[in-house]
Amino acid sequence: MGSTIILKNVAKTYPGGQPALRRLSLTVTAGEFLVLLGPSGCGKSTLLRMIAGLESITEGELHLDGALANDLDPSERDTAMIFQNFALYPNMTASENIGFPLAVHKQDPAEVERRVQSAAAALGISHILGRLPGQLSGGERQRVAMGRATVRRPSVFLLDEPLSSLDARLRARLRLEILSSARKSGATTIYVTHDQAEAMALGDRIAVMRDGILQQVDTPRGLYALPANAFVASFIGTPRISLIHGTVYAPINGAMAVSLGAQQLPLPMPLTRDHQMLRVVQGNPLLIGLRPEAVRIADHARATEFERPLTGIVDHVEFQGHETLLHLSIGGQRADVPPQALSDLPTRPARGKTAGLARRLISLAKTTTRRRSAPSPVGTSVPAIEANSGELVVRANSGTHHRRGQHLPLLVDVRSLLVFDVRGERVSPDPTHIPDL
């Protein structure tokens, strides 16, 4: 049975004052498969090593099944860790590597052999038990490492990017074996990766990290549909979400609309629940997020109640086999994910020079937006669009043929708009409402 892991305001600071983790709080329930996801250097491997006891905790508390574990020796934590580089003993056979944790504790040799054979059969490596690691492929070595971790039947599995050095086909196959092994054992599993597709395929929940700060913890579907901020929205989903600078306008005698630069998206009246909050941010600089499935090429079918027209110019055609991705210019300004706001750091409020810098960054964003030309009025005429900016990505059928410079009529489902402020925080009236995708 797995252990419950509770992290309370855990921080890690290296000598010299360099922070690796900033007051992170997280609960992993017994038997859960949690994925730590984020770019390189965000602190996810450091957090995993702190749970394993391989890194000290600078601040905060770690609890394993209700017991404070900050100062427990790694051997007392009932955890098994699988590393990226496999860490097999080169002079031991696969069978000896798998059975090593049991042999160290002087368990009965017959029981060791039985459990080694059982683990090997589950992983499909019974035929290589007599070989040395140097005689095995990368995938076989990884299976041996998994067998060594599972043979002990620990209450916690910790996996640090175990598949990153393998080819794509083998990664897809082994991640299913890892998930199957974790489910059969009932152990609590924490899996570190920078691959969002891997995280979405494996995790019961995903914890997204950035610069040592926990951004959001949710199910894969929840993260995709309701990202807490622009960073999470851009990190989850393939192809990446389109972020465009925009503004909401609510004229007294007209329909509220979202301006994307040269074009506007009128919102349906009366406003839906997901659009009510936009009144509060009207006139302010915003980031508008559109996932590829929120936009379709207009065909002969009528637009739905919530679809609004746009025109796009094809900037780049990306053939994927099963589908084609069209990179389109719509006369807007592509936006990048804002940097981590200094005022968001949970360790202490920004003061002095850092606080001034944060204020200047926000002021600069507002000034830049004010300098943009006013939005064009809503109408049926084709707007003037500057090509080669590629602000929007749209999926198209693989059998269709499009060319660079082609004008395409589009329909946008405005219910699927994701709206963020200049700091990248999502503007939402209801954090529990997941829209239909």
Protein backbone atom coordinates (compact mmCIF):
# COMPACT_ATOMS: atom_id res chain seq x y z
CA MET A 1 0.00 0.00 0.00
CA GLY A 2 1.27 3.48 -0.85
CA SER A 3 2.15 6.24 1.57
CA THR A 4 0.59 9.68 1.81
CA ILE A 5 3.17 12.41 1.16
CA ILE A 6 2.60 15.91 2.53
CA LEU A 7 4.91 18.84 1.81
CA LYS A 8 4.34 21.97 3.90
CA ASN A 9 6.03 25.20 2.76
CA VAL A 10 9.11 23.26 1.67
CA ALA A 11 12.03 25.35 0.41
CA LYS A 12 15.54 24.57 -0.78
CA THR A 13 18.31 27.16 -0.93
CA TYR A 14 21.80 26.25 -2.05
CA PRO A 15 24.99 27.81 -0.63
CA GLY A 16 25.35 31.34 -1.89
CA GLY A 17 21.63 32.03 -1.53
CA GLN A 18 20.45 30.50 -4.81
CA PRO A 19 16.85 29.28 -4.30
CA ALA A 20 15.85 26.01 -5.95
CA LEU A 21 12.37 25.67 -4.37
CA ARG A 22 10.25 28.43 -2.84
CA ARG A 23 7.81 27.44 -0.06
CA LEU A 24 6.07 24.65 -1.93
CA SER A 25 3.04 22.89 -0.42
CA LEU A 26 1.65 19.72 -1.93
CA THR A 27 -0.24 16.59 -0.85
CA VAL A 28 0.10 13.28 -2.71
CA THR A 29 -2.51 10.75 -1.63
CA ALA A 30 -1.72 7.09 -1.03
CA GLY A 31 -1.59 5.14 -4.30
CA GLU A 32 -1.73 8.24 -6.48
CA PHE A 33 0.39 8.65 -9.62
CA LEU A 34 1.53 12.29 -9.57
CA VAL A 35 3.68 13.83 -12.30
CA LEU A 36 6.01 16.76 -11.62
CA LEU A 37 6.16 18.71 -14.89
CA GLY A 38 8.22 21.71 -15.86
CA PRO A 39 11.18 22.95 -17.88
CA SER A 40 14.76 22.10 -17.02
CA GLY A 41 15.96 23.88 -13.89
CA CYS A 42 12.49 24.44 -12.39
CA GLY A 43 13.28 22.37 -9.26
CA LYS A 44 11.30 19.20 -9.94
CA SER A 45 14.27 16.81 -9.60
CA THR A 46 15.41 18.66 -6.49
CA LEU A 47 11.98 18.14 -4.96
CA LEU A 48 12.08 14.43 -5.80
CA ARG A 49 15.51 14.05 -4.19
CA MET A 50 14.30 15.85 -1.07
CA ILE A 51 11.46 13.34 -0.73
CA ALA A 52 13.96 10.49 -1.18
CA GLY A 53 16.30 11.98 1.43
CA LEU A 54 19.12 12.64 -1.05
CA GLU A 55 18.80 16.42 -0.59
CA SER A 56 18.35 18.27 2.68
CA ILE A 57 15.31 20.48 3.29
CA THR A 58 16.21 24.11 4.00
CA GLU A 59 12.79 25.11 5.26
CA GLY A 60 9.38 23.51 5.77
CA GLU A 61 8.22 20.00 6.59
CA LEU A 62 7.97 16.64 4.81
CA HIS A 63 5.50 14.12 6.22
CA LEU A 64 5.33 10.46 5.16
CA ASP A 65 2.13 8.77 6.36
CA GLY A 66 1.71 11.47 8.99
CA ALA A 67 5.25 11.20 10.41
CA LEU A 68 7.76 14.04 10.09
CA ALA A 69 10.49 12.77 7.74
CA ASN A 70 12.84 15.74 7.33
CA ASP A 71 15.71 14.03 9.11
CA LEU A 72 15.00 10.40 8.25
CA ASP A 73 17.78 8.47 6.53
CA PRO A 74 16.91 7.47 2.93
CA SER A 75 16.91 3.81 3.97
CA GLU A 76 14.16 4.56 6.53
CA ARG A 77 11.72 6.15 4.08
CA ASP A 78 10.53 3.01 2.25
CA THR A 79 11.07 4.64 -1.13
CA ALA A 80 12.55 3.32 -4.38
CA MET A 81 14.07 5.68 -6.91
CA ILE A 82 14.67 5.14 -10.63
CA PHE A 83 17.19 7.48 -12.22
CA GLN A 84 17.60 8.75 -15.77
CA ASN A 85 20.94 6.98 -16.19
CA PHE A 86 19.65 3.56 -14.91
CA ALA A 87 22.50 3.29 -12.30
CA LEU A 88 23.02 -0.47 -12.73
CA TYR A 89 26.03 -2.32 -11.34
CA PRO A 90 28.09 -3.19 -14.45
CA ASN A 91 29.65 -6.36 -12.96
CA MET A 92 26.30 -7.86 -11.95
CA THR A 93 23.88 -9.73 -14.19
CA ALA A 94 20.39 -8.41 -14.72
CA SER A 95 19.10 -10.96 -12.21
CA GLU A 96 21.67 -9.88 -9.60
CA ASN A 97 20.87 -6.20 -10.17
CA ILE A 98 17.15 -6.79 -9.67
CA GLY A 99 17.64 -8.89 -6.55
CA PHE A 100 20.34 -6.66 -5.01
CA PRO A 101 18.02 -4.72 -2.64
CA LEU A 102 16.73 -8.00 -1.23
CA ALA A 103 20.18 -9.58 -0.98
CA VAL A 104 21.50 -6.58 0.97
CA HIS A 105 18.84 -7.25 3.62
CA LYS A 106 19.90 -10.92 3.68
CA GLN A 107 16.54 -12.31 2.64
CA ASP A 108 16.17 -16.00 1.90
CA PRO A 109 17.84 -16.76 -1.48
CA ALA A 110 14.86 -18.84 -2.62
CA GLU A 111 12.49 -15.92 -1.89
CA VAL A 112 14.86 -13.51 -3.66
CA GLU A 113 14.89 -15.76 -6.74
CA ARG A 114 11.10 -16.06 -6.72
CA ARG A 115 10.57 -12.32 -6.54
CA VAL A 116 13.21 -11.63 -9.19
CA GLN A 117 11.53 -14.06 -11.56
CA SER A 118 8.13 -12.53 -10.82
CA ALA A 119 9.37 -8.97 -11.48
CA ALA A 120 11.18 -10.04 -14.64
CA ALA A 121 8.10 -11.81 -16.00
CA ALA A 122 5.95 -8.75 -15.39
CA LEU A 123 8.45 -6.60 -17.31
CA GLY A 124 9.07 -9.09 -20.10
CA ILE A 125 12.80 -9.52 -19.41
CA SER A 126 12.99 -13.12 -18.17
CA HIS A 127 15.15 -14.05 -21.18
CA ILE A 128 17.92 -11.54 -20.35
CA LEU A 129 18.40 -12.22 -16.63
CA GLY A 130 21.82 -13.81 -17.20
CA ARG A 131 23.26 -10.88 -19.16
CA LEU A 132 25.42 -8.00 -17.92
CA PRO A 133 24.21 -4.38 -18.36
CA GLY A 134 26.78 -3.82 -21.11
CA GLN A 135 25.08 -6.53 -23.17
CA LEU A 136 21.63 -4.90 -22.91
CA SER A 137 19.88 -2.25 -24.97
CA GLY A 138 18.74 1.02 -23.39
CA GLY A 139 15.19 -0.23 -23.06
CA GLU A 140 16.31 -3.50 -21.47
CA ARG A 141 18.53 -1.66 -18.97
CA GLN A 142 15.61 0.56 -18.05
CA ARG A 143 13.41 -2.48 -17.45
CA VAL A 144 16.09 -3.97 -15.20
CA ALA A 145 16.21 -0.70 -13.23
CA MET A 146 12.41 -0.81 -12.91
CA GLY A 147 12.61 -4.42 -11.73
CA ARG A 148 15.15 -3.51 -9.06
CA ALA A 149 12.83 -0.76 -7.81
CA THR A 150 9.66 -2.85 -7.81
CA VAL A 151 11.11 -6.06 -6.34
CA ARG A 152 11.30 -4.44 -2.90
CA ARG A 153 7.62 -3.52 -3.02
CA PRO A 154 8.17 -0.06 -1.52
CA SER A 155 5.35 2.25 -0.53
CA VAL A 156 6.70 5.12 -2.71
CA PHE A 157 8.18 5.07 -6.23
CA LEU A 158 10.23 8.09 -7.28
CA LEU A 159 11.12 8.29 -10.98
CA ASP A 160 13.46 11.01 -12.24
CA GLU A 161 12.97 11.34 -16.03
CA PRO A 162 13.53 7.59 -16.49
CA LEU A 163 12.71 7.55 -20.21
CA SER A 164 14.32 10.74 -21.50
CA SER A 165 17.32 8.99 -23.06
CA LEU A 166 15.22 6.51 -25.06
CA ASP A 167 13.72 6.86 -28.53
CA ALA A 168 10.10 7.97 -28.94
CA ARG A 169 8.61 4.54 -29.75
CA LEU A 170 10.30 2.87 -26.78
CA ARG A 171 9.29 5.71 -24.46
CA ALA A 172 5.63 5.26 -25.40
CA ARG A 173 5.85 1.53 -24.72
CA LEU A 174 7.76 1.73 -21.43
CA ARG A 175 5.63 4.45 -19.93
CA LEU A 176 2.66 2.09 -20.14
CA GLU A 177 4.71 -0.59 -18.37
CA ILE A 178 5.66 1.90 -15.65
CA LEU A 179 2.03 2.86 -15.18
CA SER A 180 0.97 -0.80 -15.08
CA SER A 181 3.66 -1.66 -12.49
CA ALA A 182 2.65 1.26 -10.29
CA ARG A 183 -1.03 0.33 -10.46
CA LYS A 184 -0.38 -3.34 -9.59
CA SER A 185 1.85 -2.47 -6.65
CA GLY A 186 -0.50 0.14 -5.19
CA ALA A 187 2.52 2.32 -4.38
CA THR A 188 2.41 6.11 -4.39
CA THR A 189 4.32 7.26 -7.47
CA ILE A 190 5.93 10.60 -8.24
CA TYR A 191 7.25 10.88 -11.78
CA VAL A 192 9.45 13.76 -13.00
CA THR A 193 9.42 14.80 -16.65
CA HIS A 194 9.69 17.85 -18.91
CA ASP A 195 7.57 16.12 -21.58
CA GLN A 196 3.97 17.31 -21.32
CA ALA A 197 2.66 14.50 -23.53
CA GLU A 198 4.22 11.97 -21.16
CA ALA A 199 2.73 13.79 -18.18
CA MET A 200 -0.75 13.86 -19.71
CA ALA A 201 -0.58 10.14 -20.53
CA LEU A 202 0.58 9.02 -17.07
CA GLY A 203 -0.61 11.30 -14.31
CA ASP A 204 -3.69 11.02 -12.14
CA ARG A 205 -2.73 14.61 -11.41
CA ILE A 206 0.03 16.87 -12.71
CA ALA A 207 1.94 19.45 -10.68
CA VAL A 208 3.34 22.15 -12.97
CA MET A 209 6.45 23.95 -11.73
CA ARG A 210 8.32 27.05 -12.85
CA ASP A 211 11.42 28.63 -11.32
CA GLY A 212 11.01 26.67 -8.10
CA ILE A 213 7.38 27.72 -7.70
CA LEU A 214 4.39 25.39 -7.91
CA GLN A 215 2.06 26.89 -10.53
CA GLN A 216 -0.93 24.53 -10.49
CA VAL A 217 -1.94 20.99 -9.51
CA ASP A 218 -4.85 19.38 -11.31
CA THR A 219 -5.95 16.47 -13.46
CA PRO A 220 -4.67 16.47 -17.07
CA ARG A 221 -8.10 17.56 -18.32
CA GLY A 222 -8.36 20.29 -15.70
CA LEU A 223 -4.95 21.72 -16.57
CA TYR A 224 -5.76 21.77 -20.27
CA ALA A 225 -9.22 23.30 -19.96
CA LEU A 226 -8.65 25.65 -17.00
CA PRO A 227 -4.97 26.64 -16.78
CA ALA A 228 -4.27 28.93 -13.84
CA ASN A 229 -1.99 31.14 -15.90
CA ALA A 230 -0.47 31.65 -19.33
CA PHE A 231 2.61 29.60 -18.47
CA VAL A 232 0.54 26.50 -17.68
CA ALA A 233 -1.62 27.09 -20.77
CA SER A 234 1.45 27.26 -23.01
CA PHE A 235 3.19 24.27 -21.40
CA ILE A 236 0.19 21.94 -21.66
CA GLY A 237 -1.11 20.94 -25.08
CA THR A 238 0.31 20.11 -28.52
CA PRO A 239 0.47 22.17 -30.63
CA ARG A 240 1.08 24.99 -28.21
CA ILE A 241 -1.73 27.42 -27.46
CA SER A 242 -1.78 30.65 -29.49
CA LEU A 243 -1.33 33.72 -27.26
CA ILE A 244 -2.29 37.06 -28.80
CA HIS A 245 -2.31 40.56 -27.32
CA GLY A 246 -5.90 41.77 -27.06
CA THR A 247 -8.38 44.04 -25.35
CA VAL A 248 -12.03 43.75 -24.35
CA TYR A 249 -14.35 46.58 -25.37
CA ALA A 250 -17.87 47.08 -24.01
CA PRO A 251 -19.52 50.09 -25.70
CA ILE A 252 -22.66 51.43 -24.10
CA ASN A 253 -24.80 50.89 -27.18
CA GLY A 254 -23.08 47.90 -28.69
CA ALA A 255 -22.08 44.31 -28.15
CA MET A 256 -19.01 43.56 -26.08
CA ALA A 257 -16.11 42.38 -28.23
CA VAL A 258 -12.57 41.05 -27.91
CA SER A 259 -10.11 42.93 -30.08
CA LEU A 260 -7.20 40.95 -31.54
CA GLY A 261 -5.61 43.90 -33.31
CA ALA A 262 -6.93 44.24 -36.86
CA GLN A 263 -10.00 42.10 -36.13
CA GLN A 264 -12.60 41.68 -33.41
CA LEU A 265 -14.63 38.81 -31.98
CA PRO A 266 -18.10 40.04 -30.85
CA LEU A 267 -19.34 38.17 -27.79
CA PRO A 268 -22.84 36.68 -27.70
CA MET A 269 -25.56 38.62 -25.92
CA PRO A 270 -26.70 38.00 -23.29
CA LEU A 271 -23.24 37.20 -22.00
CA THR A 272 -22.47 33.65 -20.95
CA ARG A 273 -21.20 32.92 -17.45
CA ASP A 274 -17.63 32.63 -18.77
CA HIS A 275 -17.81 36.11 -20.31
CA GLN A 276 -19.35 38.04 -17.40
CA MET A 277 -15.97 38.69 -15.76
CA LEU A 278 -14.64 40.34 -18.92
CA ARG A 279 -16.62 43.49 -18.13
CA VAL A 280 -14.28 44.09 -15.21
CA VAL A 281 -11.16 44.08 -17.41
CA GLN A 282 -12.52 46.03 -20.38
CA GLY A 283 -9.99 48.45 -21.82
CA ASN A 284 -7.08 46.73 -20.08
CA PRO A 285 -4.25 44.97 -21.94
CA LEU A 286 -4.88 41.23 -22.02
CA LEU A 287 -3.48 38.01 -23.43
CA ILE A 288 -6.02 36.01 -25.42
CA GLY A 289 -5.39 32.26 -25.64
CA LEU A 290 -6.81 30.14 -28.45
CA ARG A 291 -6.19 26.42 -28.72
CA PRO A 292 -6.25 24.90 -32.24
CA GLU A 293 -9.57 23.11 -31.67
CA ALA A 294 -11.25 26.44 -30.80
CA VAL A 295 -10.85 27.58 -34.43
CA ARG A 296 -12.02 25.90 -37.61
CA ILE A 297 -11.85 26.73 -41.26
CA ALA A 298 -15.28 27.99 -42.32
CA ASP A 299 -17.03 25.53 -44.61
CA HIS A 300 -20.47 25.56 -46.13
CA ALA A 301 -22.06 24.64 -42.79
CA ARG A 302 -23.62 27.49 -40.84
CA ALA A 303 -21.79 28.98 -37.90
CA THR A 304 -23.05 27.95 -34.49
CA GLU A 305 -24.48 30.39 -31.97
CA PHE A 306 -21.09 30.89 -30.33
CA GLU A 307 -18.85 31.01 -33.41
CA ARG A 308 -17.53 34.31 -34.75
CA PRO A 309 -15.74 34.95 -38.08
CA LEU A 310 -12.08 35.81 -38.59
CA THR A 311 -9.87 35.96 -41.66
CA GLY A 312 -6.39 34.47 -41.68
CA ILE A 313 -3.48 34.41 -44.12
CA VAL A 314 -1.50 31.16 -44.32
CA ASP A 315 2.06 31.81 -43.21
CA HIS A 316 3.30 28.22 -42.87
CA VAL A 317 1.90 24.75 -43.57
CA GLU A 318 3.05 21.94 -41.26
CA PHE A 319 2.10 18.48 -42.51
CA GLN A 320 1.84 15.92 -39.68
CA GLY A 321 0.48 12.92 -41.58
CA HIS A 322 -2.79 12.46 -39.71
CA GLU A 323 -3.43 16.21 -39.79
CA THR A 324 -2.07 19.50 -41.13
CA LEU A 325 -1.25 22.46 -38.88
CA LEU A 326 -1.76 25.88 -40.45
CA HIS A 327 0.13 28.84 -39.00
CA LEU A 328 -1.97 31.90 -39.79
CA SER A 329 -1.57 35.67 -39.57
CA ILE A 330 -4.70 37.49 -38.39
CA GLY A 331 -3.38 41.03 -37.98
CA GLY A 332 -2.68 40.72 -34.28
CA GLN A 333 0.45 40.72 -32.15
CA ARG A 334 1.75 37.40 -30.93
CA ALA A 335 2.40 37.33 -27.18
CA ASP A 336 5.02 35.53 -25.15
CA VAL A 337 4.43 34.04 -21.71
CA PRO A 338 5.14 36.80 -19.17
CA PRO A 339 8.09 36.27 -16.82
CA GLN A 340 7.37 35.02 -13.32
CA ALA A 341 5.95 38.10 -11.59
CA LEU A 342 8.24 39.10 -8.74
CA SER A 343 5.26 39.95 -6.59
CA ASP A 344 4.07 36.33 -6.93
CA LEU A 345 7.06 34.82 -5.16
CA PRO A 346 5.73 33.16 -2.02
CA THR A 347 8.89 33.59 0.06
CA ARG A 348 8.46 37.31 0.80
CA PRO A 349 6.79 40.37 -0.77
CA ALA A 350 8.85 42.30 -3.29
CA ARG A 351 10.47 45.39 -1.82
CA GLY A 352 12.83 48.11 -2.90
CA LYS A 353 14.43 47.71 -6.32
CA THR A 354 12.69 44.40 -7.12
CA ALA A 355 9.26 45.84 -6.40
CA GLY A 356 10.09 48.85 -8.57
CA LEU A 357 11.17 46.55 -11.40
CA ALA A 358 7.89 44.63 -11.18
CA ARG A 359 5.92 47.88 -11.35
CA ARG A 360 7.97 49.08 -14.35
CA LEU A 361 7.36 45.78 -16.21
CA ILE A 362 3.59 46.06 -15.72
CA SER A 363 3.64 49.75 -16.64
CA LEU A 364 5.62 49.01 -19.80
CA ALA A 365 3.08 46.35 -20.83
CA LYS A 366 0.21 48.81 -20.35
CA THR A 367 2.02 51.57 -22.26
CA THR A 368 2.80 49.25 -25.17
CA THR A 369 -0.83 48.23 -25.43
CA ARG A 370 -2.08 51.83 -25.30
CA ARG A 371 0.19 52.74 -28.20
CA ARG A 372 -1.45 50.19 -30.46
CA SER A 373 -3.99 51.52 -32.92
CA ALA A 374 -7.65 51.34 -31.99
CA PRO A 375 -9.45 48.19 -33.07
CA SER A 376 -11.20 48.13 -36.39
CA PRO A 377 -14.99 48.18 -36.27
CA VAL A 378 -16.82 44.89 -36.52
CA GLY A 379 -17.85 44.19 -40.08
CA THR A 380 -17.79 41.79 -42.98
CA SER A 381 -14.95 43.43 -44.91
CA VAL A 382 -11.61 41.65 -44.99
CA PRO A 383 -9.15 43.52 -42.74
CA ALA A 384 -5.66 44.49 -43.78
CA ILE A 385 -3.44 41.77 -42.37
CA GLU A 386 0.32 41.86 -42.23
CA ALA A 387 1.64 38.44 -43.23
CA ASN A 388 4.54 36.49 -41.77
CA SER A 389 3.56 36.90 -38.10
CA GLY A 390 1.78 33.54 -37.66
CA GLU A 391 -0.13 34.36 -34.48
CA LEU A 392 -2.65 31.53 -34.78
CA VAL A 393 -2.34 27.75 -35.27
CA VAL A 394 -5.32 25.87 -36.73
CA ARG A 395 -5.80 22.17 -37.41
CA ALA A 396 -6.84 21.13 -40.90
CA ASN A 397 -7.65 17.79 -42.47
CA SER A 398 -4.57 16.02 -43.82
CA GLY A 399 -6.29 15.68 -47.20
CA THR A 400 -6.67 19.42 -47.70
CA HIS A 401 -4.13 21.48 -49.62
CA HIS A 402 -3.27 25.00 -48.52
CA ARG A 403 -0.52 27.31 -49.68
CA ARG A 404 1.43 30.18 -48.19
CA GLY A 405 -0.33 33.52 -48.69
CA GLN A 406 -3.79 31.98 -49.05
CA HIS A 407 -6.68 33.85 -47.37
CA LEU A 408 -8.87 31.56 -45.26
CA PRO A 409 -12.25 32.29 -43.64
CA LEU A 410 -12.26 31.08 -40.03
CA LEU A 411 -14.80 30.53 -37.29
CA VAL A 412 -13.82 30.94 -33.63
CA ASP A 413 -15.83 29.39 -30.79
CA VAL A 414 -15.73 32.29 -28.32
CA ARG A 415 -16.67 29.96 -25.42
CA SER A 416 -13.17 28.52 -25.69
CA LEU A 417 -11.32 31.83 -25.29
CA LEU A 418 -8.80 31.79 -22.47
CA VAL A 419 -8.17 35.30 -21.17
CA PHE A 420 -5.13 36.31 -19.10
CA ASP A 421 -4.03 39.63 -17.63
CA VAL A 422 -0.61 41.18 -18.35
CA ARG A 423 0.94 39.18 -15.51
CA GLY A 424 -0.30 35.98 -17.13
CA GLU A 425 -3.02 35.17 -14.56
CA ARG A 426 -6.24 33.78 -15.97
CA VAL A 427 -9.35 35.96 -15.84
CA SER A 428 -12.20 33.64 -14.87
CA PRO A 429 -15.49 33.97 -13.01
CA ASP A 430 -15.67 30.33 -11.96
CA PRO A 431 -12.51 28.30 -11.28
CA THR A 432 -14.48 25.04 -11.14
CA HIS A 433 -16.27 25.37 -14.47
CA ILE A 434 -14.67 23.34 -17.26
CA PRO A 435 -15.94 24.47 -20.68
CA ASP A 436 -16.88 21.99 -23.38
CA LEU A 437 -13.88 21.42 -25.65
